Amino acid sequence: MSRIIFILSIFFITTSAQSHTIIGEPKDPDPCLNLAIPYDLCLQTIGKEWLERQRKNAPPTLESRIKQLEKQLKELQKRLDNKTS
């Protein structure tokens, strides 16, 4: 009987510890999310490197994408003009 209680207690401990794990946790979590200091102050100090990584890895904005496409269009027009002349 004591073995059964022991096995059940071990099972309970391991399952309760696993229940607190977060599934799908981001690979680069926000270090300022759960601190008791103002968020903008944290981003200026502790989270400065994290914020720079987020900006670096962010997808391009619509304006920057439009500028990039306009530049490519001008280059293509120049190539087309050179081939026709």
N, C-alpha and C. Protein backbone atom coordinates (compact mmCIF):
# COMPACT_ATOMS: atom_id res chain seq x y z
N MET A 1 0.82 -1.19 0.00
CA MET A 1 0.00 0.00 0.00
C MET A 1 0.87 1.26 0.00
N SER A 2 1.96 1.20 0.75
CA SER A 2 2.83 2.37 0.81
C SER A 2 3.51 2.63 -0.55
N ARG A 3 3.77 1.56 -1.30
CA ARG A 3 4.35 1.72 -2.63
C ARG A 3 3.37 2.44 -3.57
N ILE A 4 2.13 2.10 -3.48
CA ILE A 4 1.12 2.73 -4.33
C ILE A 4 1.03 4.22 -4.00
N ILE A 5 1.01 4.53 -2.73
CA ILE A 5 0.96 5.95 -2.32
C ILE A 5 2.22 6.68 -2.79
N PHE A 6 3.36 6.04 -2.66
CA PHE A 6 4.62 6.64 -3.11
C PHE A 6 4.59 6.89 -4.62
N ILE A 7 4.16 5.91 -5.37
CA ILE A 7 4.10 6.05 -6.83
C ILE A 7 3.11 7.14 -7.23
N LEU A 8 1.95 7.17 -6.56
CA LEU A 8 0.97 8.21 -6.87
C LEU A 8 1.49 9.60 -6.50
N SER A 9 2.22 9.70 -5.42
CA SER A 9 2.76 11.01 -5.04
C SER A 9 3.82 11.47 -6.03
N ILE A 10 4.67 10.56 -6.48
CA ILE A 10 5.67 10.91 -7.50
C ILE A 10 4.97 11.33 -8.79
N PHE A 11 3.94 10.60 -9.19
CA PHE A 11 3.19 10.94 -10.38
C PHE A 11 2.56 12.32 -10.25
N PHE A 12 1.99 12.62 -9.08
CA PHE A 12 1.37 13.92 -8.85
C PHE A 12 2.39 15.04 -8.92
N ILE A 13 3.56 14.84 -8.34
CA ILE A 13 4.60 15.87 -8.35
C ILE A 13 5.08 16.14 -9.77
N THR A 14 5.32 15.09 -10.53
CA THR A 14 5.82 15.30 -11.89
C THR A 14 4.78 15.93 -12.80
N THR A 15 3.53 15.56 -12.66
CA THR A 15 2.50 16.15 -13.51
C THR A 15 2.21 17.58 -13.11
N SER A 16 2.29 17.91 -11.83
CA SER A 16 2.06 19.29 -11.42
C SER A 16 3.19 20.20 -11.89
N ALA A 17 4.41 19.69 -11.92
CA ALA A 17 5.53 20.48 -12.41
C ALA A 17 5.43 20.71 -13.91
N GLN A 18 4.93 19.73 -14.64
CA GLN A 18 4.79 19.87 -16.08
C GLN A 18 3.63 20.78 -16.45
N SER A 19 2.66 20.91 -15.59
CA SER A 19 1.50 21.73 -15.93
C SER A 19 1.83 23.22 -15.96
N HIS A 20 2.97 23.61 -15.41
CA HIS A 20 3.34 25.02 -15.38
C HIS A 20 4.23 25.43 -16.56
N THR A 21 4.56 24.51 -17.43
CA THR A 21 5.36 24.87 -18.59
C THR A 21 4.47 25.53 -19.63
N ILE A 22 5.02 26.50 -20.33
CA ILE A 22 4.27 27.24 -21.35
C ILE A 22 4.58 26.64 -22.71
N ILE A 23 3.55 26.20 -23.38
CA ILE A 23 3.72 25.63 -24.71
C ILE A 23 3.67 26.78 -25.72
N GLY A 24 4.60 26.78 -26.63
CA GLY A 24 4.63 27.82 -27.65
C GLY A 24 5.21 29.13 -27.15
N GLU A 25 6.07 29.06 -26.16
CA GLU A 25 6.70 30.28 -25.64
C GLU A 25 7.62 30.87 -26.70
N PRO A 26 7.60 32.18 -26.89
CA PRO A 26 8.45 32.78 -27.92
C PRO A 26 9.93 32.52 -27.64
N LYS A 27 10.72 32.44 -28.70
CA LYS A 27 12.15 32.16 -28.55
C LYS A 27 12.89 33.33 -27.94
N ASP A 28 12.40 34.52 -28.14
CA ASP A 28 13.05 35.72 -27.62
C ASP A 28 12.01 36.51 -26.82
N PRO A 29 11.72 36.08 -25.58
CA PRO A 29 10.65 36.75 -24.82
C PRO A 29 11.02 38.17 -24.41
N ASP A 30 10.01 38.97 -24.20
CA ASP A 30 10.17 40.36 -23.80
C ASP A 30 10.66 40.41 -22.35
N PRO A 31 11.88 40.94 -22.11
CA PRO A 31 12.39 40.96 -20.74
C PRO A 31 11.70 41.98 -19.85
N CYS A 32 10.97 42.93 -20.43
CA CYS A 32 10.34 44.00 -19.66
C CYS A 32 8.87 43.73 -19.36
N LEU A 33 8.36 42.62 -19.82
CA LEU A 33 6.93 42.38 -19.74
C LEU A 33 6.42 42.24 -18.31
N ASN A 34 7.15 41.57 -17.45
CA ASN A 34 6.64 41.29 -16.11
C ASN A 34 7.43 41.98 -15.00
N LEU A 35 8.13 43.04 -15.33
CA LEU A 35 8.89 43.76 -14.30
C LEU A 35 8.04 44.86 -13.67
N ALA A 36 8.41 45.24 -12.47
CA ALA A 36 7.64 46.24 -11.74
C ALA A 36 8.21 47.64 -11.93
N ILE A 37 8.75 47.92 -13.11
CA ILE A 37 9.22 49.26 -13.44
C ILE A 37 8.50 49.70 -14.71
N PRO A 38 8.45 50.99 -14.99
CA PRO A 38 7.77 51.45 -16.20
C PRO A 38 8.38 50.80 -17.45
N TYR A 39 7.50 50.46 -18.38
CA TYR A 39 7.91 49.71 -19.58
C TYR A 39 8.92 50.48 -20.42
N ASP A 40 8.68 51.78 -20.62
CA ASP A 40 9.60 52.57 -21.45
C ASP A 40 10.97 52.71 -20.79
N LEU A 41 11.01 52.81 -19.47
CA LEU A 41 12.29 52.87 -18.76
C LEU A 41 13.04 51.54 -18.91
N CYS A 42 12.32 50.45 -18.83
CA CYS A 42 12.93 49.13 -18.99
C CYS A 42 13.51 48.99 -20.39
N LEU A 43 12.79 49.45 -21.41
CA LEU A 43 13.29 49.34 -22.78
C LEU A 43 14.52 50.20 -23.01
N GLN A 44 14.67 51.26 -22.24
CA GLN A 44 15.85 52.11 -22.37
C GLN A 44 17.06 51.51 -21.66
N THR A 45 16.83 50.62 -20.70
CA THR A 45 17.93 50.07 -19.91
C THR A 45 18.09 48.57 -20.14
N ILE A 46 17.31 47.78 -19.44
CA ILE A 46 17.45 46.33 -19.48
C ILE A 46 17.09 45.76 -20.85
N GLY A 47 16.03 46.25 -21.42
CA GLY A 47 15.53 45.67 -22.67
C GLY A 47 16.04 46.33 -23.93
N LYS A 48 17.11 47.12 -23.85
CA LYS A 48 17.61 47.84 -25.00
C LYS A 48 18.08 46.89 -26.11
N GLU A 49 18.85 45.87 -25.72
CA GLU A 49 19.34 44.90 -26.71
C GLU A 49 18.18 44.12 -27.32
N TRP A 50 17.21 43.75 -26.50
CA TRP A 50 16.04 43.01 -27.00
C TRP A 50 15.27 43.86 -28.01
N LEU A 51 15.07 45.13 -27.71
CA LEU A 51 14.34 46.02 -28.61
C LEU A 51 15.07 46.19 -29.94
N GLU A 52 16.40 46.30 -29.90
CA GLU A 52 17.18 46.40 -31.13
C GLU A 52 17.06 45.14 -31.97
N ARG A 53 17.06 43.96 -31.32
CA ARG A 53 16.88 42.71 -32.06
C ARG A 53 15.50 42.64 -32.70
N GLN A 54 14.48 43.13 -31.99
CA GLN A 54 13.12 43.11 -32.53
C GLN A 54 13.02 44.02 -33.75
N ARG A 55 13.63 45.19 -33.68
CA ARG A 55 13.61 46.11 -34.82
C ARG A 55 14.37 45.55 -36.01
N LYS A 56 15.49 44.87 -35.73
CA LYS A 56 16.31 44.29 -36.79
C LYS A 56 15.57 43.15 -37.48
N ASN A 57 14.86 42.34 -36.73
CA ASN A 57 14.18 41.17 -37.29
C ASN A 57 12.75 41.45 -37.74
N ALA A 58 12.31 42.68 -37.59
CA ALA A 58 10.94 43.02 -37.98
C ALA A 58 10.80 43.03 -39.50
N PRO A 59 9.63 42.67 -40.00
CA PRO A 59 9.43 42.74 -41.44
C PRO A 59 9.45 44.19 -41.90
N PRO A 60 9.79 44.44 -43.18
CA PRO A 60 9.88 45.82 -43.65
C PRO A 60 8.52 46.51 -43.61
N THR A 61 8.56 47.80 -43.38
CA THR A 61 7.32 48.58 -43.35
C THR A 61 6.81 48.77 -44.77
N LEU A 62 5.59 49.18 -44.89
CA LEU A 62 4.98 49.38 -46.19
C LEU A 62 5.70 50.47 -46.98
N GLU A 63 6.08 51.55 -46.29
CA GLU A 63 6.76 52.66 -46.96
C GLU A 63 8.12 52.22 -47.49
N SER A 64 8.87 51.48 -46.69
CA SER A 64 10.18 51.03 -47.15
C SER A 64 10.05 50.03 -48.30
N ARG A 65 9.03 49.21 -48.26
CA ARG A 65 8.80 48.25 -49.35
C ARG A 65 8.42 48.99 -50.64
N ILE A 66 7.61 50.04 -50.54
CA ILE A 66 7.24 50.84 -51.72
C ILE A 66 8.48 51.50 -52.32
N LYS A 67 9.35 52.07 -51.48
CA LYS A 67 10.57 52.70 -51.97
C LYS A 67 11.47 51.68 -52.67
N GLN A 68 11.57 50.50 -52.09
CA GLN A 68 12.39 49.44 -52.68
C GLN A 68 11.83 49.03 -54.05
N LEU A 69 10.53 48.88 -54.15
CA LEU A 69 9.92 48.51 -55.42
C LEU A 69 10.05 49.61 -56.47
N GLU A 70 9.93 50.87 -56.06
CA GLU A 70 10.11 51.99 -56.99
C GLU A 70 11.54 52.01 -57.52
N LYS A 71 12.51 51.74 -56.66
CA LYS A 71 13.90 51.70 -57.09
C LYS A 71 14.12 50.58 -58.10
N GLN A 72 13.55 49.40 -57.83
CA GLN A 72 13.68 48.29 -58.77
C GLN A 72 13.00 48.61 -60.10
N LEU A 73 11.87 49.30 -60.04
CA LEU A 73 11.16 49.69 -61.27
C LEU A 73 11.99 50.65 -62.11
N LYS A 74 12.66 51.61 -61.47
CA LYS A 74 13.52 52.55 -62.19
C LYS A 74 14.68 51.81 -62.85
N GLU A 75 15.27 50.86 -62.14
CA GLU A 75 16.38 50.09 -62.72
C GLU A 75 15.91 49.28 -63.92
N LEU A 76 14.75 48.69 -63.83
CA LEU A 76 14.21 47.93 -64.95
C LEU A 76 13.90 48.82 -66.15
N GLN A 77 13.39 50.03 -65.87
CA GLN A 77 13.11 50.97 -66.96
C GLN A 77 14.41 51.40 -67.65
N LYS A 78 15.47 51.60 -66.88
CA LYS A 78 16.77 51.96 -67.46
C LYS A 78 17.29 50.83 -68.34
N ARG A 79 17.18 49.60 -67.88
CA ARG A 79 17.62 48.45 -68.67
C ARG A 79 16.82 48.33 -69.96
N LEU A 80 15.53 48.54 -69.85
CA LEU A 80 14.66 48.47 -71.03
C LEU A 80 15.01 49.56 -72.03
N ASP A 81 15.27 50.77 -71.54
CA ASP A 81 15.66 51.88 -72.42
C ASP A 81 17.00 51.61 -73.11
N ASN A 82 17.94 51.00 -72.38
CA ASN A 82 19.24 50.67 -72.96
C ASN A 82 19.11 49.60 -74.04
N LYS A 83 18.22 48.64 -73.87
CA LYS A 83 18.05 47.57 -74.85
C LYS A 83 17.34 48.08 -76.10
N THR A 84 16.44 49.02 -75.97
CA THR A 84 15.69 49.53 -77.12
C THR A 84 16.50 50.53 -77.93
N SER A 85 17.48 51.17 -77.33
CA SER A 85 18.24 52.18 -78.07
C SER A 85 19.44 51.61 -78.78
